[in-house]
Amino acid sequence: MRLESALLLDDRALAEALLQQAPLSKADMVLTLRLLLKMKYFPVAVKFFYQPQELEAFKATASYKTARNPLTFCHQVAASRQRGEILLITPEKIGCGNARYVLGWKEKDAGEIQSLIKYTRDRSQAERFLAVKKRMPPGLLAVVTAPLQRAVFEPDVIHGLSDPLQAYHLANDWCAVSDTQPFRMTMTANASVCHGVVAVHLDRKPNLTPMCSGSYTAGKTEQGEINWIWPWADFPPTLEWMLERTLRDGGVSFPRTGEPYPGFNVCKLCPFLNFLEPVDPVAGGES
């Protein structure tokens, strides 16, 4: 079967073709992000396992890896995002106290409070900041991260990394499809990736949040990227609406409606930056 490359490069035709075969597959969603929003990384599917039978079923059907040494949670998300790895994360494979705390694999202790003090005025404030962090319920057995197109499970959360303008498009499309405004962004002083994923899962609301100082270094974020994190239930509808408006407008861009590139922003509405088709000289007129 010959690949229809021209179709993949025609945004409106691609949107129409994908909508015709809805519901979107996981690969369809990745293709939408990469070809329309021009995202460079794989979105990461995150799954929390509480039931032993479900975890064993995953192990029996998936080709997964585990970290040789304990790593941060954002290290392992980065490996799924940039290397395409399916990773099984258990308590002994998490070397970051912040991640262990929000995943429910560690209780509050002096070390966890100390890790927040540099962000706060004093120890008392650090303790209050720690108290409001979301935590997974007790009993979590494992977490799996996988590039979305390789996920053999239904995710709980999708974690992505992109430039702020690409994330802005996702947020606007979620507002439209959920009939919600404004889109509320939240952050914590640390644990942006691990706490971000946990909070979105528990609150069932998407979020955009900057990297924390730890995830900036451990999470492979050298280009000013921002986290976008979606509950799985909201992810397919967000992308389906993105496809619908691309079909309607001719392109995904908000800065210039109908443009195929989301960042095309040269002098909005400037009357001089226009491009005209040549005019038949026999018919007259200017070109």
C-alpha atoms as a PDB file:
ATOM      1  CA  MET A   1       0.000   0.000   0.000  1.00  0.00           C
ATOM      2  CA  ARG A   2       1.408   3.361  -1.046  1.00  0.00           C
ATOM      3  CA  LEU A   3       1.586   6.032   1.655  1.00  0.00           C
ATOM      4  CA  GLU A   4      -0.378   9.139   0.718  1.00  0.00           C
ATOM      5  CA  SER A   5       2.347  11.652   1.600  1.00  0.00           C
ATOM      6  CA  ALA A   6       0.499  14.532  -0.068  1.00  0.00           C
ATOM      7  CA  LEU A   7      -2.487  13.910   2.195  1.00  0.00           C
ATOM      8  CA  LEU A   8      -0.308  14.076   5.299  1.00  0.00           C
ATOM      9  CA  LEU A   9       1.012  17.468   4.207  1.00  0.00           C
ATOM     10  CA  ASP A  10      -2.383  18.998   3.392  1.00  0.00           C
ATOM     11  CA  ASP A  11      -3.796  20.079   6.772  1.00  0.00           C
ATOM     12  CA  ARG A  12      -7.412  20.392   5.692  1.00  0.00           C
ATOM     13  CA  ALA A  13      -7.409  17.082   3.806  1.00  0.00           C
ATOM     14  CA  LEU A  14      -5.668  15.376   6.717  1.00  0.00           C
ATOM     15  CA  ALA A  15      -8.202  16.735   9.196  1.00  0.00           C
ATOM     16  CA  GLU A  16     -11.089  15.559   7.030  1.00  0.00           C
ATOM     17  CA  ALA A  17      -9.596  12.077   6.615  1.00  0.00           C
ATOM     18  CA  LEU A  18      -8.955  11.651  10.335  1.00  0.00           C
ATOM     19  CA  LEU A  19     -12.428  12.852  11.278  1.00  0.00           C
ATOM     20  CA  GLN A  20     -13.995  10.415   8.819  1.00  0.00           C
ATOM     21  CA  GLN A  21     -12.360   7.498  10.625  1.00  0.00           C
ATOM     22  CA  ALA A  22     -13.188   8.749  14.136  1.00  0.00           C
ATOM     23  CA  PRO A  23     -12.965   7.745  16.926  1.00  0.00           C
ATOM     24  CA  LEU A  24      -9.321   8.708  16.707  1.00  0.00           C
ATOM     25  CA  SER A  25      -6.746   6.047  17.440  1.00  0.00           C
ATOM     26  CA  LYS A  26      -3.786   6.844  19.683  1.00  0.00           C
ATOM     27  CA  ALA A  27      -1.589   7.054  16.579  1.00  0.00           C
ATOM     28  CA  ASP A  28      -4.096   9.452  14.968  1.00  0.00           C
ATOM     29  CA  MET A  29      -3.753  11.738  18.000  1.00  0.00           C
ATOM     30  CA  VAL A  30       0.043  11.725  17.832  1.00  0.00           C
ATOM     31  CA  LEU A  31      -0.107  12.458  14.110  1.00  0.00           C
ATOM     32  CA  THR A  32      -2.467  15.381  14.746  1.00  0.00           C
ATOM     33  CA  LEU A  33      -0.089  16.949  17.256  1.00  0.00           C
ATOM     34  CA  ARG A  34       3.000  16.399  15.137  1.00  0.00           C
ATOM     35  CA  LEU A  35       1.609  17.498  11.779  1.00  0.00           C
ATOM     36  CA  LEU A  36      -0.812  20.247  12.801  1.00  0.00           C
ATOM     37  CA  LEU A  37       0.769  21.746  15.929  1.00  0.00           C
ATOM     38  CA  LYS A  38       4.287  20.757  14.755  1.00  0.00           C
ATOM     39  CA  MET A  39       5.135  19.213  18.134  1.00  0.00           C
ATOM     40  CA  LYS A  40       8.533  17.565  18.194  1.00  0.00           C
ATOM     41  CA  TYR A  41       8.050  15.128  21.087  1.00  0.00           C
ATOM     42  CA  PHE A  42       5.821  12.134  21.664  1.00  0.00           C
ATOM     43  CA  PRO A  43       2.956  12.759  24.118  1.00  0.00           C
ATOM     44  CA  VAL A  44       3.388  10.412  27.068  1.00  0.00           C
ATOM     45  CA  ALA A  45       0.604   8.156  28.306  1.00  0.00           C
ATOM     46  CA  VAL A  46       0.695   7.679  32.084  1.00  0.00           C
ATOM     47  CA  LYS A  47      -1.093   4.822  33.824  1.00  0.00           C
ATOM     48  CA  PHE A  48      -1.438   4.237  37.576  1.00  0.00           C
ATOM     49  CA  PHE A  49      -1.736   0.588  38.614  1.00  0.00           C
ATOM     50  CA  TYR A  50      -3.535  -0.347  41.824  1.00  0.00           C
ATOM     51  CA  GLN A  51      -4.797  -3.853  40.992  1.00  0.00           C
ATOM     52  CA  PRO A  52      -2.244  -6.718  40.926  1.00  0.00           C
ATOM     53  CA  GLN A  53      -4.176  -8.537  38.195  1.00  0.00           C
ATOM     54  CA  GLU A  54      -4.152  -5.466  35.954  1.00  0.00           C
ATOM     55  CA  LEU A  55      -0.431  -4.956  36.498  1.00  0.00           C
ATOM     56  CA  GLU A  56       0.339  -8.592  35.718  1.00  0.00           C
ATOM     57  CA  ALA A  57      -1.765  -8.383  32.561  1.00  0.00           C
ATOM     58  CA  PHE A  58       0.272  -5.371  31.455  1.00  0.00           C
ATOM     59  CA  LYS A  59       3.536  -7.203  32.100  1.00  0.00           C
ATOM     60  CA  ALA A  60       2.315 -10.158  30.057  1.00  0.00           C
ATOM     61  CA  THR A  61       1.355  -8.117  27.001  1.00  0.00           C
ATOM     62  CA  ALA A  62       3.754  -5.159  26.862  1.00  0.00           C
ATOM     63  CA  SER A  63       7.370  -4.867  25.832  1.00  0.00           C
ATOM     64  CA  TYR A  64       8.570  -2.679  28.663  1.00  0.00           C
ATOM     65  CA  LYS A  65      11.787  -1.722  30.428  1.00  0.00           C
ATOM     66  CA  THR A  66      12.735  -0.656  33.938  1.00  0.00           C
ATOM     67  CA  ALA A  67      15.431   1.775  34.994  1.00  0.00           C
ATOM     68  CA  ARG A  68      18.752   0.179  35.924  1.00  0.00           C
ATOM     69  CA  ASN A  69      19.176   2.721  38.732  1.00  0.00           C
ATOM     70  CA  PRO A  70      16.684   4.864  40.654  1.00  0.00           C
ATOM     71  CA  LEU A  71      15.848   7.969  38.618  1.00  0.00           C
ATOM     72  CA  THR A  72      13.590  10.972  38.941  1.00  0.00           C
ATOM     73  CA  PHE A  73      10.063  10.660  37.605  1.00  0.00           C
ATOM     74  CA  CYS A  74      10.787  13.391  35.043  1.00  0.00           C
ATOM     75  CA  HIS A  75      13.875  11.459  33.854  1.00  0.00           C
ATOM     76  CA  GLN A  76      11.641   8.520  33.034  1.00  0.00           C
ATOM     77  CA  VAL A  77       8.924  10.622  31.402  1.00  0.00           C
ATOM     78  CA  ALA A  78      11.662  12.160  29.235  1.00  0.00           C
ATOM     79  CA  ALA A  79      12.803   8.693  28.145  1.00  0.00           C
ATOM     80  CA  SER A  80       9.267   7.887  26.991  1.00  0.00           C
ATOM     81  CA  ARG A  81       8.897  11.294  25.342  1.00  0.00           C
ATOM     82  CA  GLN A  82      12.209  11.366  23.487  1.00  0.00           C
ATOM     83  CA  ARG A  83      13.299   7.722  23.172  1.00  0.00           C
ATOM     84  CA  GLY A  84       9.915   6.069  22.791  1.00  0.00           C
ATOM     85  CA  GLU A  85      10.455   3.809  25.809  1.00  0.00           C
ATOM     86  CA  ILE A  86       7.666   1.990  27.653  1.00  0.00           C
ATOM     87  CA  LEU A  87       8.772   2.136  31.281  1.00  0.00           C
ATOM     88  CA  LEU A  88       7.494   0.360  34.369  1.00  0.00           C
ATOM     89  CA  ILE A  89       8.142   2.491  37.460  1.00  0.00           C
ATOM     90  CA  THR A  90       7.979   0.913  40.911  1.00  0.00           C
ATOM     91  CA  PRO A  91       8.869   2.523  44.258  1.00  0.00           C
ATOM     92  CA  GLU A  92      12.483   1.338  44.265  1.00  0.00           C
ATOM     93  CA  LYS A  93      13.035   2.891  40.801  1.00  0.00           C
ATOM     94  CA  ILE A  94      12.175   6.433  41.942  1.00  0.00           C
ATOM     95  CA  GLY A  95      15.194   8.305  43.273  1.00  0.00           C
ATOM     96  CA  CYS A  96      13.405  11.631  43.776  1.00  0.00           C
ATOM     97  CA  GLY A  97      11.838  12.275  47.177  1.00  0.00           C
ATOM     98  CA  ASN A  98       9.325  14.764  45.756  1.00  0.00           C
ATOM     99  CA  ALA A  99       7.999  12.160  43.319  1.00  0.00           C
ATOM    100  CA  ARG A 100       7.917   9.443  45.966  1.00  0.00           C
ATOM    101  CA  TYR A 101       5.882  11.761  48.203  1.00  0.00           C
ATOM    102  CA  VAL A 102       3.206  12.727  45.646  1.00  0.00           C
ATOM    103  CA  LEU A 103       2.940   9.126  44.423  1.00  0.00           C
ATOM    104  CA  GLY A 104       2.186   8.017  47.967  1.00  0.00           C
ATOM    105  CA  TRP A 105       5.411   6.025  48.287  1.00  0.00           C
ATOM    106  CA  LYS A 106       6.817   8.150  51.103  1.00  0.00           C
ATOM    107  CA  GLU A 107       5.339  10.045  54.023  1.00  0.00           C
ATOM    108  CA  LYS A 108       6.110  13.600  55.038  1.00  0.00           C
ATOM    109  CA  ASP A 109       9.490  13.861  56.713  1.00  0.00           C
ATOM    110  CA  ALA A 110      12.156  16.438  57.513  1.00  0.00           C
ATOM    111  CA  GLY A 111      13.835  15.881  54.148  1.00  0.00           C
ATOM    112  CA  GLU A 112      10.660  16.661  52.227  1.00  0.00           C
ATOM    113  CA  ILE A 113      10.150  19.867  54.207  1.00  0.00           C
ATOM    114  CA  GLN A 114      13.797  20.795  53.695  1.00  0.00           C
ATOM    115  CA  SER A 115      13.445  20.409  49.931  1.00  0.00           C
ATOM    116  CA  LEU A 116      10.844  23.190  49.942  1.00  0.00           C
ATOM    117  CA  ILE A 117      12.561  25.640  52.258  1.00  0.00           C
ATOM    118  CA  LYS A 118      14.639  27.303  49.537  1.00  0.00           C
ATOM    119  CA  TYR A 119      11.386  28.342  47.817  1.00  0.00           C
ATOM    120  CA  THR A 120       9.789  29.766  50.958  1.00  0.00           C
ATOM    121  CA  ARG A 121      10.213  32.405  53.647  1.00  0.00           C
ATOM    122  CA  ASP A 122      10.684  29.946  56.476  1.00  0.00           C
ATOM    123  CA  ARG A 123      10.107  26.364  57.621  1.00  0.00           C
ATOM    124  CA  SER A 124       6.530  27.048  58.675  1.00  0.00           C
ATOM    125  CA  GLN A 125       5.617  28.227  55.198  1.00  0.00           C
ATOM    126  CA  ALA A 126       7.382  25.213  53.666  1.00  0.00           C
ATOM    127  CA  GLU A 127       5.243  22.907  55.817  1.00  0.00           C
ATOM    128  CA  ARG A 128       2.059  24.668  54.678  1.00  0.00           C
ATOM    129  CA  PHE A 129       3.098  24.462  51.030  1.00  0.00           C
ATOM    130  CA  LEU A 130       3.793  20.767  51.400  1.00  0.00           C
ATOM    131  CA  ALA A 131       0.418  20.179  53.045  1.00  0.00           C
ATOM    132  CA  VAL A 132      -1.541  21.355  50.004  1.00  0.00           C
ATOM    133  CA  LYS A 133       0.198  19.069  47.524  1.00  0.00           C
ATOM    134  CA  LYS A 134      -1.956  16.406  45.911  1.00  0.00           C
ATOM    135  CA  ARG A 135      -1.018  12.798  46.648  1.00  0.00           C
ATOM    136  CA  MET A 136      -2.070   9.520  45.102  1.00  0.00           C
ATOM    137  CA  PRO A 137      -4.244   7.373  47.379  1.00  0.00           C
ATOM    138  CA  PRO A 138      -2.429   4.624  49.300  1.00  0.00           C
ATOM    139  CA  GLY A 139      -1.824   1.319  47.578  1.00  0.00           C
ATOM    140  CA  LEU A 140      -0.277   2.413  44.277  1.00  0.00           C
ATOM    141  CA  LEU A 141       1.721  -0.537  42.917  1.00  0.00           C
ATOM    142  CA  ALA A 142       3.370   0.980  39.866  1.00  0.00           C
ATOM    143  CA  VAL A 143       3.250   3.710  37.257  1.00  0.00           C
ATOM    144  CA  VAL A 144       3.797   3.111  33.545  1.00  0.00           C
ATOM    145  CA  THR A 145       4.862   5.757  31.058  1.00  0.00           C
ATOM    146  CA  ALA A 146       4.771   5.167  27.313  1.00  0.00           C
ATOM    147  CA  PRO A 147       4.705   7.200  24.112  1.00  0.00           C
ATOM    148  CA  LEU A 148       0.995   7.447  23.393  1.00  0.00           C
ATOM    149  CA  GLN A 149       1.090   5.517  20.120  1.00  0.00           C
ATOM    150  CA  ARG A 150       2.732   2.545  21.866  1.00  0.00           C
ATOM    151  CA  ALA A 151       0.448   2.464  24.914  1.00  0.00           C
ATOM    152  CA  VAL A 152      -1.299  -0.912  25.195  1.00  0.00           C
ATOM    153  CA  PHE A 153      -3.510   0.444  27.970  1.00  0.00           C
ATOM    154  CA  GLU A 154      -6.038   3.215  28.422  1.00  0.00           C
ATOM    155  CA  PRO A 155      -4.061   6.065  29.980  1.00  0.00           C
ATOM    156  CA  ASP A 156      -5.090   7.990  33.049  1.00  0.00           C
ATOM    157  CA  VAL A 157      -3.190  11.129  32.039  1.00  0.00           C
ATOM    158  CA  ILE A 158      -1.343  12.470  29.007  1.00  0.00           C
ATOM    159  CA  HIS A 159       1.824  14.470  29.646  1.00  0.00           C
ATOM    160  CA  GLY A 160       3.334  16.591  26.913  1.00  0.00           C
ATOM    161  CA  LEU A 161       6.096  19.117  26.466  1.00  0.00           C
ATOM    162  CA  SER A 162       5.966  21.900  23.909  1.00  0.00           C
ATOM    163  CA  ASP A 163       6.626  25.572  23.411  1.00  0.00           C
ATOM    164  CA  PRO A 164       4.096  27.880  25.120  1.00  0.00           C
ATOM    165  CA  LEU A 165       2.294  28.824  21.890  1.00  0.00           C
ATOM    166  CA  GLN A 166       1.640  25.193  20.973  1.00  0.00           C
ATOM    167  CA  ALA A 167       0.281  24.604  24.480  1.00  0.00           C
ATOM    168  CA  TYR A 168      -1.886  27.718  24.097  1.00  0.00           C
ATOM    169  CA  HIS A 169      -3.596  26.124  21.085  1.00  0.00           C
ATOM    170  CA  LEU A 170      -4.378  22.990  23.087  1.00  0.00           C
ATOM    171  CA  ALA A 171      -5.770  25.032  25.975  1.00  0.00           C
ATOM    172  CA  ASN A 172      -7.993  27.102  23.701  1.00  0.00           C
ATOM    173  CA  ASP A 173      -9.341  24.005  22.019  1.00  0.00           C
ATOM    174  CA  TRP A 174     -10.118  22.447  25.402  1.00  0.00           C
ATOM    175  CA  CYS A 175     -11.993  25.625  26.409  1.00  0.00           C
ATOM    176  CA  ALA A 176     -14.071  25.445  23.241  1.00  0.00           C
ATOM    177  CA  VAL A 177     -14.947  21.775  23.473  1.00  0.00           C
ATOM    178  CA  SER A 178     -15.660  21.894  27.233  1.00  0.00           C
ATOM    179  CA  ASP A 179     -17.450  25.269  27.075  1.00  0.00           C
ATOM    180  CA  THR A 180     -15.155  26.556  29.818  1.00  0.00           C
ATOM    181  CA  GLN A 181     -13.435  29.906  30.253  1.00  0.00           C
ATOM    182  CA  PRO A 182     -10.967  30.808  31.655  1.00  0.00           C
ATOM    183  CA  PHE A 183      -8.445  28.005  31.455  1.00  0.00           C
ATOM    184  CA  ARG A 184      -6.862  27.925  34.912  1.00  0.00           C
ATOM    185  CA  MET A 185      -3.138  27.213  35.135  1.00  0.00           C
ATOM    186  CA  THR A 186      -1.562  26.106  38.399  1.00  0.00           C
ATOM    187  CA  MET A 187       2.000  25.448  39.520  1.00  0.00           C
ATOM    188  CA  THR A 188       3.867  24.251  42.571  1.00  0.00           C
ATOM    189  CA  ALA A 189       7.284  25.412  43.703  1.00  0.00           C
ATOM    190  CA  ASN A 190       8.727  21.991  42.932  1.00  0.00           C
ATOM    191  CA  ALA A 191       7.567  18.643  41.515  1.00  0.00           C
ATOM    192  CA  SER A 192       6.089  20.135  38.332  1.00  0.00           C
ATOM    193  CA  VAL A 193       6.019  16.895  36.334  1.00  0.00           C
ATOM    194  CA  CYS A 194       5.271  14.341  39.049  1.00  0.00           C
ATOM    195  CA  HIS A 195       2.891  16.547  41.031  1.00  0.00           C
ATOM    196  CA  GLY A 196       1.444  17.937  37.791  1.00  0.00           C
ATOM    197  CA  VAL A 197       0.486  14.475  36.582  1.00  0.00           C
ATOM    198  CA  VAL A 198      -0.942  13.488  39.968  1.00  0.00           C
ATOM    199  CA  ALA A 199      -2.955  16.699  40.354  1.00  0.00           C
ATOM    200  CA  VAL A 200      -4.476  16.465  36.873  1.00  0.00           C
ATOM    201  CA  HIS A 201      -5.422  12.838  37.487  1.00  0.00           C
ATOM    202  CA  LEU A 202      -7.095  13.620  40.809  1.00  0.00           C
ATOM    203  CA  ASP A 203      -8.737  16.923  39.798  1.00  0.00           C
ATOM    204  CA  ARG A 204      -9.779  15.758  36.311  1.00  0.00           C
ATOM    205  CA  LYS A 205      -8.799  19.154  34.849  1.00  0.00           C
ATOM    206  CA  PRO A 206      -6.043  19.850  32.302  1.00  0.00           C
ATOM    207  CA  ASN A 207      -3.159  22.105  33.215  1.00  0.00           C
ATOM    208  CA  LEU A 208      -0.303  24.095  31.718  1.00  0.00           C
ATOM    209  CA  THR A 209       2.608  24.611  34.063  1.00  0.00           C
ATOM    210  CA  PRO A 210       6.274  25.629  33.816  1.00  0.00           C
ATOM    211  CA  MET A 211       9.106  23.312  34.717  1.00  0.00           C
ATOM    212  CA  CYS A 212      10.314  23.301  38.302  1.00  0.00           C
ATOM    213  CA  SER A 213      14.026  23.671  38.962  1.00  0.00           C
ATOM    214  CA  GLY A 214      14.449  19.900  39.259  1.00  0.00           C
ATOM    215  CA  SER A 215      12.544  18.990  36.104  1.00  0.00           C
ATOM    216  CA  TYR A 216      14.343  21.751  34.183  1.00  0.00           C
ATOM    217  CA  THR A 217      17.608  19.874  34.661  1.00  0.00           C
ATOM    218  CA  ALA A 218      16.450  16.256  34.963  1.00  0.00           C
ATOM    219  CA  GLY A 219      13.587  16.400  32.478  1.00  0.00           C
ATOM    220  CA  LYS A 220      15.498  17.399  29.333  1.00  0.00           C
ATOM    221  CA  THR A 221      13.989  20.873  28.893  1.00  0.00           C
ATOM    222  CA  GLU A 222      16.701  23.008  27.365  1.00  0.00           C
ATOM    223  CA  GLN A 223      14.496  25.129  25.094  1.00  0.00           C
ATOM    224  CA  GLY A 224      12.061  26.858  27.425  1.00  0.00           C
ATOM    225  CA  GLU A 225       9.314  24.270  27.031  1.00  0.00           C
ATOM    226  CA  ILE A 226       6.186  24.125  29.144  1.00  0.00           C
ATOM    227  CA  ASN A 227       4.304  21.112  30.502  1.00  0.00           C
ATOM    228  CA  TRP A 228       0.809  20.447  29.220  1.00  0.00           C
ATOM    229  CA  ILE A 229      -1.022  17.723  31.122  1.00  0.00           C
ATOM    230  CA  TRP A 230      -4.478  16.377  30.212  1.00  0.00           C
ATOM    231  CA  PRO A 231      -6.833  13.879  31.808  1.00  0.00           C
ATOM    232  CA  TRP A 232      -7.335  11.122  29.259  1.00  0.00           C
ATOM    233  CA  ALA A 233     -11.115  11.610  29.100  1.00  0.00           C
ATOM    234  CA  ASP A 234     -10.597  15.174  27.833  1.00  0.00           C
ATOM    235  CA  PHE A 235      -7.790  14.460  25.389  1.00  0.00           C
ATOM    236  CA  PRO A 236      -9.556  12.871  22.377  1.00  0.00           C
ATOM    237  CA  PRO A 237     -12.356  15.521  22.355  1.00  0.00           C
ATOM    238  CA  THR A 238      -9.759  18.310  22.444  1.00  0.00           C
ATOM    239  CA  LEU A 239      -7.975  16.915  19.393  1.00  0.00           C
ATOM    240  CA  GLU A 240     -11.194  16.152  17.538  1.00  0.00           C
ATOM    241  CA  TRP A 241     -12.218  19.792  17.879  1.00  0.00           C
ATOM    242  CA  MET A 242      -8.754  20.871  16.698  1.00  0.00           C
ATOM    243  CA  LEU A 243      -9.325  18.802  13.575  1.00  0.00           C
ATOM    244  CA  GLU A 244     -12.839  20.195  13.103  1.00  0.00           C
ATOM    245  CA  ARG A 245     -11.696  23.820  13.216  1.00  0.00           C
ATOM    246  CA  THR A 246      -8.717  23.025  10.944  1.00  0.00           C
ATOM    247  CA  LEU A 247     -11.199  21.676   8.435  1.00  0.00           C
ATOM    248  CA  ARG A 248     -13.387  24.765   8.948  1.00  0.00           C
ATOM    249  CA  ASP A 249     -10.622  27.384   8.814  1.00  0.00           C
ATOM    250  CA  GLY A 250      -8.026  25.724   6.590  1.00  0.00           C
ATOM    251  CA  GLY A 251      -5.270  25.615   9.214  1.00  0.00           C
ATOM    252  CA  VAL A 252      -4.594  25.234  12.910  1.00  0.00           C
ATOM    253  CA  SER A 253      -3.091  28.655  13.627  1.00  0.00           C
ATOM    254  CA  PHE A 254      -4.706  31.111  16.021  1.00  0.00           C
ATOM    255  CA  PRO A 255      -2.251  33.986  15.483  1.00  0.00           C
ATOM    256  CA  ARG A 256      -3.334  34.081  11.814  1.00  0.00           C
ATOM    257  CA  THR A 257      -6.578  32.196  11.220  1.00  0.00           C
ATOM    258  CA  GLY A 258      -6.290  29.486   8.619  1.00  0.00           C
ATOM    259  CA  GLU A 259      -2.506  29.429   8.424  1.00  0.00           C
ATOM    260  CA  PRO A 260      -0.976  25.941   8.543  1.00  0.00           C
ATOM    261  CA  TYR A 261       1.808  26.891  10.974  1.00  0.00           C
ATOM    262  CA  PRO A 262       0.753  27.628  14.578  1.00  0.00           C
ATOM    263  CA  GLY A 263       3.538  30.154  15.132  1.00  0.00           C
ATOM    264  CA  PHE A 264       3.125  32.274  12.005  1.00  0.00           C
ATOM    265  CA  ASN A 265       2.964  35.714  13.580  1.00  0.00           C
ATOM    266  CA  VAL A 266       4.590  38.200  11.195  1.00  0.00           C
ATOM    267  CA  CYS A 267       3.076  41.617  11.905  1.00  0.00           C
ATOM    268  CA  LYS A 268      -0.523  40.641  12.448  1.00  0.00           C
ATOM    269  CA  LEU A 269      -2.895  42.491  10.064  1.00  0.00           C
ATOM    270  CA  CYS A 270      -0.023  44.374   8.388  1.00  0.00           C
ATOM    271  CA  PRO A 271      -1.415  45.495   4.986  1.00  0.00           C
ATOM    272  CA  PHE A 272       2.010  45.330   3.360  1.00  0.00           C
ATOM    273  CA  LEU A 273       2.671  41.661   4.040  1.00  0.00           C
ATOM    274  CA  ASN A 274       0.249  40.235   1.521  1.00  0.00           C
ATOM    275  CA  PHE A 275       0.882  37.908  -1.376  1.00  0.00           C
ATOM    276  CA  LEU A 276      -1.252  38.053  -4.517  1.00  0.00           C
ATOM    277  CA  GLU A 277      -1.750  35.721  -7.418  1.00  0.00           C
ATOM    278  CA  PRO A 278      -0.679  37.134 -10.787  1.00  0.00           C
ATOM    279  CA  VAL A 279      -3.433  38.847 -12.763  1.00  0.00           C
ATOM    280  CA  ASP A 280      -4.072  38.028 -16.407  1.00  0.00           C
ATOM    281  CA  PRO A 281      -2.833  41.146 -18.290  1.00  0.00           C
ATOM    282  CA  VAL A 282      -5.533  40.687 -20.922  1.00  0.00           C
ATOM    283  CA  ALA A 283      -8.190  41.044 -18.261  1.00  0.00           C
ATOM    284  CA  GLY A 284      -6.406  44.082 -16.792  1.00  0.00           C
ATOM    285  CA  GLY A 285      -5.762  45.011 -13.200  1.00  0.00           C
ATOM    286  CA  GLU A 286      -2.701  45.085 -11.011  1.00  0.00           C
ATOM    287  CA  SER A 287      -0.583  42.172  -9.836  1.00  0.00           C
END
